[in-house]
Every structure is written in C-alpha cells, then in structure tokens.
Protein backbone atom coordinates (compact mmCIF):
# COMPACT_ATOMS: atom_id res chain seq x y z
CA UNK A 1 -0.13 -0.08 0.03
CA UNK A 2 1.80 3.00 -0.89
CA UNK A 3 1.05 6.33 1.24
CA UNK A 4 -1.10 7.91 -1.64
CA UNK A 5 -3.49 4.91 -0.97
CA UNK A 6 -3.63 5.43 2.57
CA UNK A 7 -4.62 8.90 1.92
CA UNK A 8 -7.49 7.92 -0.40
CA UNK A 9 -8.30 5.28 2.01
CA UNK A 10 -8.93 8.32 4.56
CA UNK A 11 -10.56 10.46 1.95
CA UNK A 12 -12.78 7.66 0.64
CA UNK A 13 -14.08 6.82 4.22
CA UNK A 14 -14.88 10.65 4.83
CA UNK A 15 -12.03 10.64 7.53
CA UNK A 16 -10.29 13.41 6.23
CA UNK A 17 -12.08 16.64 7.79
CA UNK A 18 -11.57 20.05 7.45
CA UNK A 19 -12.67 22.88 9.73
CA UNK A 20 -10.80 23.77 13.72
CA UNK A 21 -9.98 20.92 15.74
CA UNK A 22 -8.63 20.63 19.20
CA UNK A 23 -6.40 17.79 19.00
CA UNK A 24 -5.91 15.55 21.82
CA UNK A 25 -2.45 16.39 21.60
CA UNK A 26 -4.44 20.08 22.89
CA UNK A 27 -3.19 22.18 19.68
CA UNK A 28 -5.14 23.23 17.08
CA UNK A 29 -5.42 22.34 13.47
CA UNK A 30 -7.33 22.75 10.22
CA UNK A 31 -7.22 19.17 9.44
CA UNK A 32 -8.39 16.28 11.63
CA UNK A 33 -7.92 11.94 10.56
CA UNK A 34 -11.34 10.78 12.07
CA UNK A 35 -9.46 7.61 11.83
CA UNK A 36 -12.90 5.78 13.39
CA UNK A 37 -14.26 6.29 10.51
CA UNK A 38 -11.63 4.05 8.79
CA UNK A 39 -12.34 1.68 11.83
CA UNK A 40 -15.83 1.34 11.39
CA UNK A 41 -15.30 -0.50 8.53
CA UNK A 42 -13.40 -4.07 8.73
CA UNK A 43 -12.41 -4.63 5.22
CA UNK A 44 -10.89 -1.18 5.21
CA UNK A 45 -9.30 -1.90 9.03
CA UNK A 46 -7.76 -4.89 7.49
CA UNK A 47 -6.30 -3.46 4.15
CA UNK A 48 -4.60 -0.66 6.48
CA UNK A 49 -3.40 -2.87 9.45
CA UNK A 50 -2.38 -5.77 6.92
CA UNK A 51 -0.08 -3.02 4.99
CA UNK A 52 0.79 -1.72 8.75
CA UNK A 53 1.73 -5.29 9.35
CA UNK A 54 3.74 -5.64 6.32
CA UNK A 55 5.96 -2.16 7.22
CA UNK A 56 6.62 -3.56 10.61
CA UNK A 57 7.94 -6.85 9.85
CA UNK A 58 10.18 -5.27 6.86
CA UNK A 59 11.54 -2.85 9.77
CA UNK A 60 11.63 -5.27 13.19
CA UNK A 61 11.17 -8.55 11.92
CA UNK A 62 9.91 -10.70 14.37
CA UNK A 63 7.04 -9.47 16.71
CA UNK A 64 5.83 -11.03 19.94
CA UNK A 65 3.41 -8.26 21.04
CA UNK A 66 1.80 -5.49 19.70
CA UNK A 67 1.10 -3.01 22.69
CA UNK A 68 -1.15 0.01 22.04
CA UNK A 69 -2.70 3.11 23.86
CA UNK A 70 -6.18 2.94 24.86
CA UNK A 71 -8.72 3.86 23.68
CA UNK A 72 -7.92 4.78 19.55
CA UNK A 73 -4.70 2.39 19.45
CA UNK A 74 -6.93 -0.53 20.61
CA UNK A 75 -8.62 -1.34 17.04
CA UNK A 76 -5.46 -0.81 14.91
CA UNK A 77 -3.06 -2.58 17.71
CA UNK A 78 -5.55 -5.37 17.66
CA UNK A 79 -5.63 -5.94 13.77
CA UNK A 80 -2.17 -5.18 12.98
CA UNK A 81 -1.03 -8.14 15.54
CA UNK A 82 -3.67 -10.23 13.73
CA UNK A 83 -1.54 -9.77 10.32
CA UNK A 84 1.55 -10.22 12.48
CA UNK A 85 0.46 -13.50 13.72
CA UNK A 86 0.77 -12.13 17.61
CA UNK A 87 -0.59 -10.99 20.77
CA UNK A 88 -2.37 -7.71 20.88
CA UNK A 89 -2.39 -5.77 24.13
CA UNK A 90 -3.12 -2.41 25.58
CA UNK A 91 -1.85 0.00 28.20
CA UNK A 92 -4.70 2.52 30.01
CA UNK A 93 -4.65 5.44 32.10
CA UNK A 94 -4.65 5.22 35.43
CA UNK A 95 -3.94 7.71 37.69
CA UNK A 96 -2.96 9.69 34.74
CA UNK A 97 -0.42 7.39 33.78
CA UNK A 98 0.01 4.24 31.10
CA UNK A 99 -0.22 1.17 32.55
CA UNK A 100 -0.64 -2.51 31.86
CA UNK A 101 -3.90 -3.64 33.38
CA UNK A 102 -6.70 -6.32 33.04
CA UNK A 103 -3.88 -9.03 33.89
CA UNK A 104 -1.56 -7.79 30.92
CA UNK A 105 2.08 -8.99 31.48
CA UNK A 106 5.16 -8.90 28.64
CA UNK A 107 7.54 -11.71 29.62
CA UNK A 108 11.11 -11.74 29.52
CA UNK A 109 12.54 -11.90 25.95
CA UNK A 110 9.05 -10.99 23.92
CA UNK A 111 9.66 -8.89 21.01
CA UNK A 112 7.43 -6.03 21.43
CA UNK A 113 6.21 -2.92 18.89
CA UNK A 114 4.27 -0.24 19.79
CA UNK A 115 1.33 0.35 17.65
CA UNK A 116 -0.99 3.60 17.28
CA UNK A 117 -3.39 5.04 14.98
CA UNK A 118 -2.17 8.78 13.89
CA UNK A 119 0.79 10.65 15.55
CA UNK A 120 0.65 14.14 15.94
CA UNK A 121 3.15 15.27 18.71
CA UNK A 122 3.94 11.68 19.85
CA UNK A 123 3.19 12.32 23.40
CA UNK A 124 0.77 8.86 23.85
CA UNK A 125 3.39 7.49 21.78
CA UNK A 126 6.12 8.21 23.96
CA UNK A 127 4.09 7.77 27.47
CA UNK A 128 3.16 4.00 25.66
CA UNK A 129 6.71 3.37 25.07
CA UNK A 130 7.75 4.40 28.70
CA UNK A 131 5.21 2.24 30.35
CA UNK A 132 6.48 -1.09 28.53
CA UNK A 133 9.67 -0.14 29.24
CA UNK A 134 8.94 -0.67 32.75
CA UNK A 135 8.48 -5.00 31.76
CA UNK A 136 11.41 -7.32 31.04
CA UNK A 137 10.12 -7.37 27.55
CA UNK A 138 12.58 -5.88 24.27
CA UNK A 139 10.68 -2.72 22.98
CA UNK A 140 11.86 -3.08 19.03
CA UNK A 141 10.16 0.51 18.39
CA UNK A 142 6.99 2.11 17.12
CA UNK A 143 4.42 2.37 14.16
CA UNK A 144 1.39 4.09 13.10
CA UNK A 145 -0.96 4.54 10.18
CA UNK A 146 -0.27 8.12 9.70
CA UNK A 147 2.55 10.32 10.98
CA UNK A 148 1.05 13.85 10.87
CA UNK A 149 3.97 15.07 12.09
CA UNK A 150 5.97 15.10 8.83
CA UNK A 151 8.40 12.80 11.18
CA UNK A 152 9.26 15.56 13.74
CA UNK A 153 7.87 13.65 16.36
CA UNK A 154 10.16 12.38 18.63
CA UNK A 155 9.18 9.41 20.42
CA UNK A 156 12.75 8.31 22.02
CA UNK A 157 12.11 5.30 19.41
CA UNK A 158 12.11 4.56 15.81
CA UNK A 159 8.80 5.44 14.41
CA UNK A 160 7.35 3.60 11.01
CA UNK A 161 4.04 4.59 9.40
CA UNK A 162 2.46 4.15 6.59
CA UNK A 163 2.49 7.77 5.40
CA UNK A 164 4.19 10.86 6.62
CA UNK A 165 2.02 13.95 6.51
CA UNK A 166 3.25 17.73 7.68
CA UNK A 167 -0.20 19.38 8.47
CA UNK A 168 0.00 22.44 10.59
CA UNK A 169 -0.77 22.40 14.43
CA UNK A 170 -0.92 25.31 16.67
CA UNK A 171 -0.79 26.26 20.33
CA UNK A 172 -4.17 27.82 21.39
CA UNK A 173 -2.26 31.25 21.54
CA UNK A 174 -0.65 31.04 18.14
CA UNK A 175 -4.05 30.90 15.74
CA UNK A 176 -3.56 31.92 12.48
CA UNK A 177 -6.48 34.62 12.08
CA UNK A 178 -8.92 32.35 9.59
CA UNK A 179 -8.71 29.42 12.19
CA UNK A 180 -9.28 31.60 14.73
CA UNK A 181 -12.53 32.83 12.94
CA UNK A 182 -14.23 29.30 13.04
CA UNK A 183 -15.53 27.42 16.23
CA UNK A 184 -13.59 24.85 17.19
CA UNK A 185 -14.87 20.91 17.96
CA UNK A 186 -12.43 18.38 20.10
CA UNK A 187 -12.77 14.71 18.66
CA UNK A 188 -10.20 13.49 20.24
CA UNK A 189 -10.36 10.85 23.05
CA UNK A 190 -6.88 11.58 25.30
CA UNK A 191 -9.12 12.99 28.41
CA UNK A 192 -12.24 10.61 28.28
CA UNK A 193 -13.21 9.68 31.57
CA UNK A 194 -14.37 5.88 32.30
C-alpha cells in the first residue's frame, strides 16, 4: 500500500476532515483525521492494518506482542497484531499514567512493538513506550498508520508509518486568524473519563 493509497482510504471513508479541531495533544489544527471512520469498516481496517503489519515486519522482523494506547490504538493494534500472528494488548491510564492492566504482562525476551493510530506530537506514544520499558520484554520501536508530524515527532524510538503528512498544528494562543474565526471542536479521546 503506497502513501497515496493510505490517504485515499481516509478520503474515501470521509475521515479527512477540514475545519477547526482541538487535537488530543491540545494543539489546534485545520485538519482532523477521524480514524474511527476507517475503523468502523472491517474491510478497510483490514487493508490498512495488513499494510502496517507488512511494514513492521520489514523494519523490526519477528514481533511477539503489539501494545497500543487505549482508546484510539486498540483497534489498529489488534488488527495489526492479527496480521503479524502475535498477541495484542493495550495500556490504559491509571492516575494519569499509562500502565498494563487487566492482567496483561510482557514476558522476558518478548519482542514488542507499540502500534498507534495517528501520531501528532508523539506524547501518547512516548508515554506508552515508557510504560512498556517497565516490563522485561524488548521494545523494538513504534508504528502508526499516519505520522502527521511529518517525521518531526520524537518518540525516543524508531517510528515507522504508512504515511507521513506535515499538517499544521498550533498552540491555542498562536492560532492564525482564519482558524481563530472558526469555532473549534474536540473529537479526540485523550481526556475521556472512564
């Protein structure tokens, strides 16, 4: 799957939105990638996650565990793990910090890749990777469907993606006038309460 194929999947699913959005990172952007429009379609999800699994295999080799941050990373993590033939688990926030819960463990020697949906600043990915490093497995690196930082996000680990985009994102106090003139919506899940 080429980068253009990935972008076409988002476009045809209606997942490439334009307006004024507050991202999970707190930054504001004129573009939002509503990945849930991809994930509501099992056939489309299978296509993009199979391509991500192929990319992971090329870069990291054999993988024993895919670990994803809840909530947004669970679906692509599971589906990517299915194509890699490995286990899929996820971290959740407990007192504001990502941890493995539900009895999930990573055994010594396990080869682990963190799989995310979309990376913007890399904050959730860094937090997820930090949680994984508390366990005895070998963290190989990270992977995502789309890196919207244009390759600038620093995860402290290798990041592979199906597509890199350089989509502008602004702090709330530095909005360009055309974006400030549009009411903002916040479609992300980072601050959801459970």
